[in-house]
Amino acid sequence: MDIQQLEKTVVDALEDIKAQDIDVIDTSKLTPLFDRVIVASADSNRQTRALARNVQEKVRAAGGEVISVEGEEVGEWVLVDLGDAIVHVMQPAIRNHYRLEELWTTTPSSRQRAASARPKKPS
């Protein structure tokens, strides 16, 4: 399955169960590990788990592979590893706390500039 088909399958699966604030981030130029990070919000532990399960089912039905799933027990944040894409289904408070979108949309060079602009700690 190519990355565009995988991305569409995941987004459709998330929309099926009313995920909110779906963000798709192209990470192909940032890391060789995967090409997309997809982040979505859910209102409850139950919806978070249902969204993650629906993503898995739809990807498998389309001929894709699910590498692993983490966080289903608790349901506040479920990560679905699809190889070329990583899906994070999170409750809003968790998503707001970790701000994954900021991590993946900031380029390495701008992070370095920000780090060098910080005052140095005295020795």
PDB file of N, CA and C in Angstrom:
ATOM      1  N   MET A   1       0.857  -1.179   0.000  1.00  0.00           N
ATOM      2  CA  MET A   1       0.000   0.000   0.000  1.00  0.00           C
ATOM      3  C   MET A   1       0.898   1.236   0.000  1.00  0.00           C
ATOM      4  N   ASP A   2       0.659   2.173  -0.923  1.00  0.00           N
ATOM      5  CA  ASP A   2       1.491   3.378  -0.944  1.00  0.00           C
ATOM      6  C   ASP A   2       1.038   4.339   0.159  1.00  0.00           C
ATOM      7  N   ILE A   3       1.858   5.338   0.417  1.00  0.00           N
ATOM      8  CA  ILE A   3       1.621   6.223   1.560  1.00  0.00           C
ATOM      9  C   ILE A   3       0.341   7.040   1.399  1.00  0.00           C
ATOM     10  N   GLN A   4       0.002   7.459   0.181  1.00  0.00           N
ATOM     11  CA  GLN A   4      -1.228   8.226  -0.013  1.00  0.00           C
ATOM     12  C   GLN A   4      -2.462   7.370   0.289  1.00  0.00           C
ATOM     13  N   GLN A   5      -2.429   6.126  -0.140  1.00  0.00           N
ATOM     14  CA  GLN A   5      -3.546   5.221   0.133  1.00  0.00           C
ATOM     15  C   GLN A   5      -3.640   4.932   1.628  1.00  0.00           C
ATOM     16  N   LEU A   6      -2.492   4.721   2.277  1.00  0.00           N
ATOM     17  CA  LEU A   6      -2.478   4.476   3.717  1.00  0.00           C
ATOM     18  C   LEU A   6      -3.037   5.686   4.465  1.00  0.00           C
ATOM     19  N   GLU A   7      -2.574   6.875   4.098  1.00  0.00           N
ATOM     20  CA  GLU A   7      -3.050   8.102   4.740  1.00  0.00           C
ATOM     21  C   GLU A   7      -4.568   8.241   4.580  1.00  0.00           C
ATOM     22  N   LYS A   8      -5.077   8.032   3.377  1.00  0.00           N
ATOM     23  CA  LYS A   8      -6.514   8.147   3.133  1.00  0.00           C
ATOM     24  C   LYS A   8      -7.295   7.105   3.936  1.00  0.00           C
ATOM     25  N   THR A   9      -6.800   5.890   3.990  1.00  0.00           N
ATOM     26  CA  THR A   9      -7.461   4.826   4.742  1.00  0.00           C
ATOM     27  C   THR A   9      -7.553   5.187   6.218  1.00  0.00           C
ATOM     28  N   VAL A  10      -6.450   5.699   6.769  1.00  0.00           N
ATOM     29  CA  VAL A  10      -6.427   6.071   8.195  1.00  0.00           C
ATOM     30  C   VAL A  10      -7.385   7.229   8.465  1.00  0.00           C
ATOM     31  N   VAL A  11      -7.319   8.272   7.654  1.00  0.00           N
ATOM     32  CA  VAL A  11      -8.184   9.436   7.873  1.00  0.00           C
ATOM     33  C   VAL A  11      -9.650   9.038   7.741  1.00  0.00           C
ATOM     34  N   ASP A  12      -9.976   8.230   6.748  1.00  0.00           N
ATOM     35  CA  ASP A  12     -11.357   7.765   6.600  1.00  0.00           C
ATOM     36  C   ASP A  12     -11.807   6.960   7.818  1.00  0.00           C
ATOM     37  N   ALA A  13     -10.934   6.096   8.326  1.00  0.00           N
ATOM     38  CA  ALA A  13     -11.267   5.290   9.511  1.00  0.00           C
ATOM     39  C   ALA A  13     -11.497   6.180  10.729  1.00  0.00           C
ATOM     40  N   LEU A  14     -10.700   7.224  10.860  1.00  0.00           N
ATOM     41  CA  LEU A  14     -10.867   8.156  11.982  1.00  0.00           C
ATOM     42  C   LEU A  14     -12.167   8.949  11.836  1.00  0.00           C
ATOM     43  N   GLU A  15     -12.459   9.387  10.628  1.00  0.00           N
ATOM     44  CA  GLU A  15     -13.686  10.154  10.393  1.00  0.00           C
ATOM     45  C   GLU A  15     -14.937   9.296  10.593  1.00  0.00           C
ATOM     46  N   ASP A  16     -14.842   7.993  10.297  1.00  0.00           N
ATOM     47  CA  ASP A  16     -15.981   7.072  10.483  1.00  0.00           C
ATOM     48  C   ASP A  16     -16.514   7.114  11.902  1.00  0.00           C
ATOM     49  N   ILE A  17     -15.612   7.265  12.865  1.00  0.00           N
ATOM     50  CA  ILE A  17     -16.026   7.204  14.275  1.00  0.00           C
ATOM     51  C   ILE A  17     -15.902   8.586  14.922  1.00  0.00           C
ATOM     52  N   LYS A  18     -15.968   9.609  14.100  1.00  0.00           N
ATOM     53  CA  LYS A  18     -16.065  11.003  14.560  1.00  0.00           C
ATOM     54  C   LYS A  18     -14.862  11.490  15.349  1.00  0.00           C
ATOM     55  N   ALA A  19     -13.657  11.144  14.902  1.00  0.00           N
ATOM     56  CA  ALA A  19     -12.461  11.730  15.511  1.00  0.00           C
ATOM     57  C   ALA A  19     -12.488  13.236  15.269  1.00  0.00           C
ATOM     58  N   GLN A  20     -11.853  13.953  16.155  1.00  0.00           N
ATOM     59  CA  GLN A  20     -11.821  15.414  16.046  1.00  0.00           C
ATOM     60  C   GLN A  20     -10.395  15.878  15.776  1.00  0.00           C
ATOM     61  N   ASP A  21     -10.272  17.031  15.159  1.00  0.00           N
ATOM     62  CA  ASP A  21      -8.974  17.697  14.953  1.00  0.00           C
ATOM     63  C   ASP A  21      -7.926  16.750  14.368  1.00  0.00           C
ATOM     64  N   ILE A  22      -8.229  16.141  13.256  1.00  0.00           N
ATOM     65  CA  ILE A  22      -7.296  15.214  12.613  1.00  0.00           C
ATOM     66  C   ILE A  22      -6.204  16.032  11.921  1.00  0.00           C
ATOM     67  N   ASP A  23      -4.962  15.767  12.282  1.00  0.00           N
ATOM     68  CA  ASP A  23      -3.804  16.413  11.659  1.00  0.00           C
ATOM     69  C   ASP A  23      -2.929  15.350  11.017  1.00  0.00           C
ATOM     70  N   VAL A  24      -2.542  15.577   9.777  1.00  0.00           N
ATOM     71  CA  VAL A  24      -1.629  14.696   9.064  1.00  0.00           C
ATOM     72  C   VAL A  24      -0.348  15.476   8.833  1.00  0.00           C
ATOM     73  N   ILE A  25       0.766  14.943   9.330  1.00  0.00           N
ATOM     74  CA  ILE A  25       2.057  15.626   9.224  1.00  0.00           C
ATOM     75  C   ILE A  25       2.994  14.784   8.375  1.00  0.00           C
ATOM     76  N   ASP A  26       3.520  15.390   7.323  1.00  0.00           N
ATOM     77  CA  ASP A  26       4.478  14.720   6.445  1.00  0.00           C
ATOM     78  C   ASP A  26       5.849  14.785   7.111  1.00  0.00           C
ATOM     79  N   THR A  27       6.351  13.642   7.534  1.00  0.00           N
ATOM     80  CA  THR A  27       7.643  13.579   8.218  1.00  0.00           C
ATOM     81  C   THR A  27       8.726  12.959   7.340  1.00  0.00           C
ATOM     82  N   SER A  28       8.427  12.789   6.057  1.00  0.00           N
ATOM     83  CA  SER A  28       9.356  12.088   5.168  1.00  0.00           C
ATOM     84  C   SER A  28      10.716  12.778   5.055  1.00  0.00           C
ATOM     85  N   LYS A  29      10.761  14.082   5.254  1.00  0.00           N
ATOM     86  CA  LYS A  29      12.036  14.801   5.173  1.00  0.00           C
ATOM     87  C   LYS A  29      12.683  14.990   6.547  1.00  0.00           C
ATOM     88  N   LEU A  30      11.972  14.565   7.601  1.00  0.00           N
ATOM     89  CA  LEU A  30      12.472  14.751   8.958  1.00  0.00           C
ATOM     90  C   LEU A  30      13.072  13.492   9.567  1.00  0.00           C
ATOM     91  N   THR A  31      12.596  12.325   9.139  1.00  0.00           N
ATOM     92  CA  THR A  31      13.077  11.065   9.701  1.00  0.00           C
ATOM     93  C   THR A  31      12.947   9.961   8.650  1.00  0.00           C
ATOM     94  N   PRO A  32      13.877   9.027   8.654  1.00  0.00           N
ATOM     95  CA  PRO A  32      13.754   7.891   7.740  1.00  0.00           C
ATOM     96  C   PRO A  32      12.859   6.779   8.306  1.00  0.00           C
ATOM     97  N   LEU A  33      12.360   6.941   9.513  1.00  0.00           N
ATOM     98  CA  LEU A  33      11.609   5.885  10.182  1.00  0.00           C
ATOM     99  C   LEU A  33      10.180   5.736   9.668  1.00  0.00           C
ATOM    100  N   PHE A  34       9.522   6.833   9.330  1.00  0.00           N
ATOM    101  CA  PHE A  34       8.148   6.800   8.834  1.00  0.00           C
ATOM    102  C   PHE A  34       7.880   8.075   8.058  1.00  0.00           C
ATOM    103  N   ASP A  35       6.823   8.041   7.222  1.00  0.00           N
ATOM    104  CA  ASP A  35       6.517   9.166   6.343  1.00  0.00           C
ATOM    105  C   ASP A  35       5.398  10.069   6.842  1.00  0.00           C
ATOM    106  N   ARG A  36       4.554   9.568   7.721  1.00  0.00           N
ATOM    107  CA  ARG A  36       3.441  10.369   8.222  1.00  0.00           C
ATOM    108  C   ARG A  36       3.238  10.146   9.712  1.00  0.00           C
ATOM    109  N   VAL A  37       2.860  11.235  10.385  1.00  0.00           N
ATOM    110  CA  VAL A  37       2.334  11.177  11.747  1.00  0.00           C
ATOM    111  C   VAL A  37       0.918  11.713  11.639  1.00  0.00           C
ATOM    112  N   ILE A  38      -0.016  10.928  12.118  1.00  0.00           N
ATOM    113  CA  ILE A  38      -1.423  11.329  12.076  1.00  0.00           C
ATOM    114  C   ILE A  38      -1.907  11.401  13.514  1.00  0.00           C
ATOM    115  N   VAL A  39      -2.427  12.565  13.895  1.00  0.00           N
ATOM    116  CA  VAL A  39      -2.876  12.798  15.266  1.00  0.00           C
ATOM    117  C   VAL A  39      -4.356  13.141  15.232  1.00  0.00           C
ATOM    118  N   ALA A  40      -5.114  12.537  16.140  1.00  0.00           N
ATOM    119  CA  ALA A  40      -6.552  12.813  16.226  1.00  0.00           C
ATOM    120  C   ALA A  40      -6.976  12.817  17.683  1.00  0.00           C
ATOM    121  N   SER A  41      -8.057  13.509  17.964  1.00  0.00           N
ATOM    122  CA  SER A  41      -8.598  13.578  19.321  1.00  0.00           C
ATOM    123  C   SER A  41      -9.883  12.778  19.436  1.00  0.00           C
ATOM    124  N   ALA A  42     -10.129  12.287  20.658  1.00  0.00           N
ATOM    125  CA  ALA A  42     -11.345  11.543  20.984  1.00  0.00           C
ATOM    126  C   ALA A  42     -11.862  12.042  22.325  1.00  0.00           C
ATOM    127  N   ASP A  43     -13.176  11.920  22.522  1.00  0.00           N
ATOM    128  CA  ASP A  43     -13.801  12.463  23.727  1.00  0.00           C
ATOM    129  C   ASP A  43     -13.669  11.595  24.973  1.00  0.00           C
ATOM    130  N   SER A  44     -13.413  10.302  24.799  1.00  0.00           N
ATOM    131  CA  SER A  44     -13.397   9.397  25.952  1.00  0.00           C
ATOM    132  C   SER A  44     -12.436   8.245  25.702  1.00  0.00           C
ATOM    133  N   ASN A  45     -12.140   7.497  26.764  1.00  0.00           N
ATOM    134  CA  ASN A  45     -11.301   6.301  26.629  1.00  0.00           C
ATOM    135  C   ASN A  45     -11.940   5.324  25.652  1.00  0.00           C
ATOM    136  N   ARG A  46     -13.232   5.191  25.744  1.00  0.00           N
ATOM    137  CA  ARG A  46     -13.953   4.262  24.873  1.00  0.00           C
ATOM    138  C   ARG A  46     -13.827   4.670  23.402  1.00  0.00           C
ATOM    139  N   GLN A  47     -14.000   5.949  23.105  1.00  0.00           N
ATOM    140  CA  GLN A  47     -13.883   6.411  21.731  1.00  0.00           C
ATOM    141  C   GLN A  47     -12.446   6.302  21.238  1.00  0.00           C
ATOM    142  N   THR A  48     -11.488   6.584  22.096  1.00  0.00           N
ATOM    143  CA  THR A  48     -10.074   6.475  21.727  1.00  0.00           C
ATOM    144  C   THR A  48      -9.757   5.044  21.295  1.00  0.00           C
ATOM    145  N   ARG A  49     -10.178   4.078  22.087  1.00  0.00           N
ATOM    146  CA  ARG A  49      -9.946   2.671  21.748  1.00  0.00           C
ATOM    147  C   ARG A  49     -10.702   2.272  20.483  1.00  0.00           C
ATOM    148  N   ALA A  50     -11.937   2.748  20.337  1.00  0.00           N
ATOM    149  CA  ALA A  50     -12.732   2.420  19.148  1.00  0.00           C
ATOM    150  C   ALA A  50     -12.087   2.989  17.883  1.00  0.00           C
ATOM    151  N   LEU A  51     -11.573   4.198  17.958  1.00  0.00           N
ATOM    152  CA  LEU A  51     -10.894   4.798  16.807  1.00  0.00           C
ATOM    153  C   LEU A  51      -9.657   3.993  16.425  1.00  0.00           C
ATOM    154  N   ALA A  52      -8.866   3.627  17.413  1.00  0.00           N
ATOM    155  CA  ALA A  52      -7.645   2.851  17.143  1.00  0.00           C
ATOM    156  C   ALA A  52      -7.993   1.495  16.535  1.00  0.00           C
ATOM    157  N   ARG A  53      -9.019   0.850  17.058  1.00  0.00           N
ATOM    158  CA  ARG A  53      -9.440  -0.447  16.503  1.00  0.00           C
ATOM    159  C   ARG A  53      -9.942  -0.299  15.073  1.00  0.00           C
ATOM    160  N   ASN A  54     -10.703   0.768  14.797  1.00  0.00           N
ATOM    161  CA  ASN A  54     -11.216   0.982  13.451  1.00  0.00           C
ATOM    162  C   ASN A  54     -10.079   1.241  12.462  1.00  0.00           C
ATOM    163  N   VAL A  55      -9.076   1.995  12.891  1.00  0.00           N
ATOM    164  CA  VAL A  55      -7.903   2.222  12.036  1.00  0.00           C
ATOM    165  C   VAL A  55      -7.253   0.884  11.699  1.00  0.00           C
ATOM    166  N   GLN A  56      -7.043   0.052  12.709  1.00  0.00           N
ATOM    167  CA  GLN A  56      -6.416  -1.255  12.481  1.00  0.00           C
ATOM    168  C   GLN A  56      -7.231  -2.103  11.511  1.00  0.00           C
ATOM    169  N   GLU A  57      -8.536  -2.170  11.736  1.00  0.00           N
ATOM    170  CA  GLU A  57      -9.400  -2.992  10.884  1.00  0.00           C
ATOM    171  C   GLU A  57      -9.391  -2.510   9.438  1.00  0.00           C
ATOM    172  N   LYS A  58      -9.515  -1.190   9.240  1.00  0.00           N
ATOM    173  CA  LYS A  58      -9.578  -0.636   7.878  1.00  0.00           C
ATOM    174  C   LYS A  58      -8.244  -0.795   7.147  1.00  0.00           C
ATOM    175  N   VAL A  59      -7.139  -0.627   7.864  1.00  0.00           N
ATOM    176  CA  VAL A  59      -5.819  -0.787   7.237  1.00  0.00           C
ATOM    177  C   VAL A  59      -5.618  -2.244   6.826  1.00  0.00           C
ATOM    178  N   ARG A  60      -5.945  -3.170   7.707  1.00  0.00           N
ATOM    179  CA  ARG A  60      -5.816  -4.593   7.357  1.00  0.00           C
ATOM    180  C   ARG A  60      -6.719  -4.958   6.179  1.00  0.00           C
ATOM    181  N   ALA A  61      -7.952  -4.446   6.174  1.00  0.00           N
ATOM    182  CA  ALA A  61      -8.895  -4.738   5.090  1.00  0.00           C
ATOM    183  C   ALA A  61      -8.398  -4.193   3.751  1.00  0.00           C
ATOM    184  N   ALA A  62      -7.621  -3.111   3.794  1.00  0.00           N
ATOM    185  CA  ALA A  62      -7.080  -2.514   2.572  1.00  0.00           C
ATOM    186  C   ALA A  62      -5.758  -3.162   2.159  1.00  0.00           C
ATOM    187  N   GLY A  63      -5.306  -4.149   2.921  1.00  0.00           N
ATOM    188  CA  GLY A  63      -4.081  -4.857   2.579  1.00  0.00           C
ATOM    189  C   GLY A  63      -2.838  -4.345   3.274  1.00  0.00           C
ATOM    190  N   GLY A  64      -3.016  -3.440   4.232  1.00  0.00           N
ATOM    191  CA  GLY A  64      -1.877  -2.905   4.988  1.00  0.00           C
ATOM    192  C   GLY A  64      -1.553  -3.755   6.196  1.00  0.00           C
ATOM    193  N   GLU A  65      -0.468  -3.383   6.852  1.00  0.00           N
ATOM    194  CA  GLU A  65       0.006  -4.137   8.014  1.00  0.00           C
ATOM    195  C   GLU A  65       0.017  -3.255   9.255  1.00  0.00           C
ATOM    196  N   VAL A  66      -0.431  -3.813  10.367  1.00  0.00           N
ATOM    197  CA  VAL A  66      -0.349  -3.143  11.660  1.00  0.00           C
ATOM    198  C   VAL A  66       0.852  -3.739  12.386  1.00  0.00           C
ATOM    199  N   ILE A  67       1.857  -2.915  12.639  1.00  0.00           N
ATOM    200  CA  ILE A  67       3.085  -3.380  13.291  1.00  0.00           C
ATOM    201  C   ILE A  67       2.850  -3.599  14.790  1.00  0.00           C
ATOM    202  N   SER A  68       2.290  -2.585  15.450  1.00  0.00           N
ATOM    203  CA  SER A  68       2.018  -2.714  16.884  1.00  0.00           C
ATOM    204  C   SER A  68       1.018  -1.659  17.329  1.00  0.00           C
ATOM    205  N   VAL A  69       0.480  -1.879  18.524  1.00  0.00           N
ATOM    206  CA  VAL A  69      -0.472  -0.944  19.131  1.00  0.00           C
ATOM    207  C   VAL A  69      -0.081  -0.798  20.595  1.00  0.00           C
ATOM    208  N   GLU A  70      -0.056   0.432  21.067  1.00  0.00           N
ATOM    209  CA  GLU A  70       0.283   0.703  22.467  1.00  0.00           C
ATOM    210  C   GLU A  70      -0.790   1.583  23.091  1.00  0.00           C
ATOM    211  N   GLY A  71      -1.107   1.363  24.363  1.00  0.00           N
ATOM    212  CA  GLY A  71      -1.981   2.243  25.118  1.00  0.00           C
ATOM    213  C   GLY A  71      -3.452   1.884  25.129  1.00  0.00           C
ATOM    214  N   GLU A  72      -3.827   0.768  24.536  1.00  0.00           N
ATOM    215  CA  GLU A  72      -5.249   0.406  24.493  1.00  0.00           C
ATOM    216  C   GLU A  72      -5.821   0.128  25.883  1.00  0.00           C
ATOM    217  N   GLU A  73      -4.991  -0.366  26.786  1.00  0.00           N
ATOM    218  CA  GLU A  73      -5.487  -0.711  28.122  1.00  0.00           C
ATOM    219  C   GLU A  73      -6.090   0.504  28.816  1.00  0.00           C
ATOM    220  N   VAL A  74      -5.382   1.626  28.783  1.00  0.00           N
ATOM    221  CA  VAL A  74      -5.835   2.825  29.481  1.00  0.00           C
ATOM    222  C   VAL A  74      -6.770   3.642  28.592  1.00  0.00           C
ATOM    223  N   GLY A  75      -6.381   3.848  27.349  1.00  0.00           N
ATOM    224  CA  GLY A  75      -7.242   4.532  26.402  1.00  0.00           C
ATOM    225  C   GLY A  75      -7.147   6.044  26.356  1.00  0.00           C
ATOM    226  N   GLU A  76      -6.244   6.629  27.121  1.00  0.00           N
ATOM    227  CA  GLU A  76      -6.089   8.087  27.033  1.00  0.00           C
ATOM    228  C   GLU A  76      -5.293   8.481  25.796  1.00  0.00           C
ATOM    229  N   TRP A  77      -4.355   7.610  25.414  1.00  0.00           N
ATOM    230  CA  TRP A  77      -3.505   7.850  24.250  1.00  0.00           C
ATOM    231  C   TRP A  77      -3.186   6.486  23.651  1.00  0.00           C
ATOM    232  N   VAL A  78      -3.664   6.243  22.455  1.00  0.00           N
ATOM    233  CA  VAL A  78      -3.392   4.978  21.783  1.00  0.00           C
ATOM    234  C   VAL A  78      -2.539   5.272  20.547  1.00  0.00           C
ATOM    235  N   LEU A  79      -1.438   4.566  20.436  1.00  0.00           N
ATOM    236  CA  LEU A  79      -0.532   4.703  19.300  1.00  0.00           C
ATOM    237  C   LEU A  79      -0.668   3.462  18.429  1.00  0.00           C
ATOM    238  N   VAL A  80      -0.880   3.675  17.136  1.00  0.00           N
ATOM    239  CA  VAL A  80      -0.975   2.579  16.183  1.00  0.00           C
ATOM    240  C   VAL A  80       0.172   2.738  15.192  1.00  0.00           C
ATOM    241  N   ASP A  81       1.102   1.789  15.197  1.00  0.00           N
ATOM    242  CA  ASP A  81       2.261   1.808  14.306  1.00  0.00           C
ATOM    243  C   ASP A  81       1.917   1.035  13.042  1.00  0.00           C
ATOM    244  N   LEU A  82       1.892   1.751  11.924  1.00  0.00           N
ATOM    245  CA  LEU A  82       1.554   1.140  10.643  1.00  0.00           C
ATOM    246  C   LEU A  82       2.773   1.063   9.728  1.00  0.00           C
ATOM    247  N   GLY A  83       3.945   1.203  10.293  1.00  0.00           N
ATOM    248  CA  GLY A  83       5.172   1.163   9.501  1.00  0.00           C
ATOM    249  C   GLY A  83       5.475   2.510   8.891  1.00  0.00           C
ATOM    250  N   ASP A  84       4.856   2.836   7.766  1.00  0.00           N
ATOM    251  CA  ASP A  84       5.086   4.114   7.102  1.00  0.00           C
ATOM    252  C   ASP A  84       4.326   5.264   7.738  1.00  0.00           C
ATOM    253  N   ALA A  85       3.403   4.957   8.629  1.00  0.00           N
ATOM    254  CA  ALA A  85       2.624   5.981   9.324  1.00  0.00           C
ATOM    255  C   ALA A  85       2.453   5.587  10.784  1.00  0.00           C
ATOM    256  N   ILE A  86       2.477   6.600  11.634  1.00  0.00           N
ATOM    257  CA  ILE A  86       2.234   6.416  13.061  1.00  0.00           C
ATOM    258  C   ILE A  86       0.970   7.206  13.390  1.00  0.00           C
ATOM    259  N   VAL A  87       0.004   6.541  14.018  1.00  0.00           N
ATOM    260  CA  VAL A  87      -1.266   7.190  14.348  1.00  0.00           C
ATOM    261  C   VAL A  87      -1.344   7.351  15.865  1.00  0.00           C
ATOM    262  N   HIS A  88      -1.611   8.583  16.301  1.00  0.00           N
ATOM    263  CA  HIS A  88      -1.796   8.886  17.714  1.00  0.00           C
ATOM    264  C   HIS A  88      -3.249   9.309  17.907  1.00  0.00           C
ATOM    265  N   VAL A  89      -3.998   8.554  18.700  1.00  0.00           N
ATOM    266  CA  VAL A  89      -5.368   8.923  19.051  1.00  0.00           C
ATOM    267  C   VAL A  89      -5.327   9.299  20.526  1.00  0.00           C
ATOM    268  N   MET A  90      -5.663  10.556  20.806  1.00  0.00           N
ATOM    269  CA  MET A  90      -5.463  11.083  22.153  1.00  0.00           C
ATOM    270  C   MET A  90      -6.693  11.831  22.647  1.00  0.00           C
ATOM    271  N   GLN A  91      -6.863  11.831  23.954  1.00  0.00           N
ATOM    272  CA  GLN A  91      -7.867  12.698  24.545  1.00  0.00           C
ATOM    273  C   GLN A  91      -7.302  14.124  24.550  1.00  0.00           C
ATOM    274  N   PRO A  92      -8.154  15.135  24.460  1.00  0.00           N
ATOM    275  CA  PRO A  92      -7.684  16.519  24.304  1.00  0.00           C
ATOM    276  C   PRO A  92      -6.673  16.986  25.361  1.00  0.00           C
ATOM    277  N   ALA A  93      -6.854  16.623  26.617  1.00  0.00           N
ATOM    278  CA  ALA A  93      -5.917  17.073  27.657  1.00  0.00           C
ATOM    279  C   ALA A  93      -4.526  16.486  27.434  1.00  0.00           C
ATOM    280  N   ILE A  94      -4.461  15.232  27.048  1.00  0.00           N
ATOM    281  CA  ILE A  94      -3.180  14.576  26.771  1.00  0.00           C
ATOM    282  C   ILE A  94      -2.540  15.205  25.536  1.00  0.00           C
ATOM    283  N   ARG A  95      -3.346  15.406  24.511  1.00  0.00           N
ATOM    284  CA  ARG A  95      -2.834  15.999  23.274  1.00  0.00           C
ATOM    285  C   ARG A  95      -2.309  17.402  23.518  1.00  0.00           C
ATOM    286  N   ASN A  96      -3.033  18.177  24.291  1.00  0.00           N
ATOM    287  CA  ASN A  96      -2.607  19.536  24.602  1.00  0.00           C
ATOM    288  C   ASN A  96      -1.315  19.546  25.414  1.00  0.00           C
ATOM    289  N   HIS A  97      -1.164  18.568  26.291  1.00  0.00           N
ATOM    290  CA  HIS A  97       0.036  18.496  27.128  1.00  0.00           C
ATOM    291  C   HIS A  97       1.288  18.154  26.303  1.00  0.00           C
ATOM    292  N   TYR A  98       1.197  17.161  25.444  1.00  0.00           N
ATOM    293  CA  TYR A  98       2.375  16.688  24.709  1.00  0.00           C
ATOM    294  C   TYR A  98       2.644  17.445  23.410  1.00  0.00           C
ATOM    295  N   ARG A  99       1.628  18.027  22.793  1.00  0.00           N
ATOM    296  CA  ARG A  99       1.780  18.866  21.598  1.00  0.00           C
ATOM    297  C   ARG A  99       2.668  18.228  20.523  1.00  0.00           C
ATOM    298  N   LEU A 100       2.330  17.029  20.124  1.00  0.00           N
ATOM    299  CA  LEU A 100       3.121  16.300  19.128  1.00  0.00           C
ATOM    300  C   LEU A 100       3.243  17.061  17.809  1.00  0.00           C
ATOM    301  N   GLU A 101       2.197  17.773  17.447  1.00  0.00           N
ATOM    302  CA  GLU A 101       2.249  18.525  16.200  1.00  0.00           C
ATOM    303  C   GLU A 101       3.408  19.508  16.190  1.00  0.00           C
ATOM    304  N   GLU A 102       3.653  20.140  17.319  1.00  0.00           N
ATOM    305  CA  GLU A 102       4.772  21.094  17.405  1.00  0.00           C
ATOM    306  C   GLU A 102       6.113  20.392  17.229  1.00  0.00           C
ATOM    307  N   LEU A 103       6.243  19.204  17.770  1.00  0.00           N
ATOM    308  CA  LEU A 103       7.498  18.469  17.636  1.00  0.00           C
ATOM    309  C   LEU A 103       7.803  18.141  16.180  1.00  0.00           C
ATOM    310  N   TRP A 104       6.767  17.720  15.443  1.00  0.00           N
ATOM    311  CA  TRP A 104       6.975  17.249  14.080  1.00  0.00           C
ATOM    312  C   TRP A 104       6.868  18.323  13.024  1.00  0.00           C
ATOM    313  N   THR A 105       6.365  19.499  13.366  1.00  0.00           N
ATOM    314  CA  THR A 105       6.281  20.553  12.360  1.00  0.00           C
ATOM    315  C   THR A 105       7.403  21.561  12.506  1.00  0.00           C
ATOM    316  N   THR A 106       8.209  21.416  13.534  1.00  0.00           N
ATOM    317  CA  THR A 106       9.374  22.268  13.707  1.00  0.00           C
ATOM    318  C   THR A 106      10.557  21.570  13.056  1.00  0.00           C
ATOM    319  N   THR A 107      11.220  22.259  12.154  1.00  0.00           N
ATOM    320  CA  THR A 107      12.356  21.645  11.473  1.00  0.00           C
ATOM    321  C   THR A 107      13.556  21.574  12.404  1.00  0.00           C
ATOM    322  N   PRO A 108      14.461  20.644  12.181  1.00  0.00           N
ATOM    323  CA  PRO A 108      15.642  20.530  13.043  1.00  0.00           C
ATOM    324  C   PRO A 108      16.448  21.828  13.105  1.00  0.00           C
ATOM    325  N   SER A 109      16.589  22.536  11.992  1.00  0.00           N
ATOM    326  CA  SER A 109      17.387  23.760  12.007  1.00  0.00           C
ATOM    327  C   SER A 109      16.739  24.832  12.868  1.00  0.00           C
ATOM    328  N   SER A 110      15.415  24.931  12.878  1.00  0.00           N
ATOM    329  CA  SER A 110      14.770  25.944  13.715  1.00  0.00           C
ATOM    330  C   SER A 110      14.843  25.553  15.184  1.00  0.00           C
ATOM    331  N   ARG A 111      14.855  24.229  15.488  1.00  0.00           N
ATOM    332  CA  ARG A 111      15.048  23.814  16.886  1.00  0.00           C
ATOM    333  C   ARG A 111      16.447  24.185  17.348  1.00  0.00           C
ATOM    334  N   GLN A 112      17.446  24.024  16.468  1.00  0.00           N
ATOM    335  CA  GLN A 112      18.817  24.372  16.838  1.00  0.00           C
ATOM    336  C   GLN A 112      18.927  25.871  17.083  1.00  0.00           C
ATOM    337  N   ARG A 113      18.292  26.676  16.224  1.00  0.00           N
ATOM    338  CA  ARG A 113      18.325  28.133  16.421  1.00  0.00           C
ATOM    339  C   ARG A 113      17.675  28.501  17.740  1.00  0.00           C
ATOM    340  N   ALA A 114      16.552  27.863  18.064  1.00  0.00           N
ATOM    341  CA  ALA A 114      15.861  28.160  19.321  1.00  0.00           C
ATOM    342  C   ALA A 114      16.730  27.777  20.515  1.00  0.00           C
ATOM    343  N   ALA A 115      17.411  26.633  20.422  1.00  0.00           N
ATOM    344  CA  ALA A 115      18.276  26.188  21.520  1.00  0.00           C
ATOM    345  C   ALA A 115      19.457  27.134  21.696  1.00  0.00           C
ATOM    346  N   SER A 116      20.036  27.613  20.594  1.00  0.00           N
ATOM    347  CA  SER A 116      21.198  28.498  20.706  1.00  0.00           C
ATOM    348  C   SER A 116      20.790  29.883  21.195  1.00  0.00           C
ATOM    349  N   ALA A 117      19.534  30.251  21.052  1.00  0.00           N
ATOM    350  CA  ALA A 117      19.052  31.560  21.500  1.00  0.00           C
ATOM    351  C   ALA A 117      18.773  31.585  22.994  1.00  0.00           C
ATOM    352  N   ARG A 118      18.674  30.415  23.605  1.00  0.00           N
ATOM    353  CA  ARG A 118      18.419  30.357  25.046  1.00  0.00           C
ATOM    354  C   ARG A 118      19.656  30.814  25.810  1.00  0.00           C
ATOM    355  N   PRO A 119      19.456  31.504  26.919  1.00  0.00           N
ATOM    356  CA  PRO A 119      20.595  31.906  27.742  1.00  0.00           C
ATOM    357  C   PRO A 119      21.307  30.676  28.304  1.00  0.00           C
ATOM    358  N   LYS A 120      22.616  30.726  28.332  1.00  0.00           N
ATOM    359  CA  LYS A 120      23.388  29.605  28.862  1.00  0.00           C
ATOM    360  C   LYS A 120      23.380  29.650  30.384  1.00  0.00           C
ATOM    361  N   LYS A 121      23.376  28.444  30.978  1.00  0.00           N
ATOM    362  CA  LYS A 121      23.406  28.348  32.437  1.00  0.00           C
ATOM    363  C   LYS A 121      24.822  28.626  32.915  1.00  0.00           C
ATOM    364  N   PRO A 122      24.938  29.341  34.025  1.00  0.00           N
ATOM    365  CA  PRO A 122      26.287  29.595  34.559  1.00  0.00           C
ATOM    366  C   PRO A 122      26.920  28.299  35.051  1.00  0.00           C
ATOM    367  N   SER A 123      28.228  28.199  34.884  1.00  0.00           N
ATOM    368  CA  SER A 123      28.951  26.982  35.286  1.00  0.00           C
ATOM    369  C   SER A 123      29.209  26.948  36.751  1.00  0.00           C
TER     370      SER A 123
END
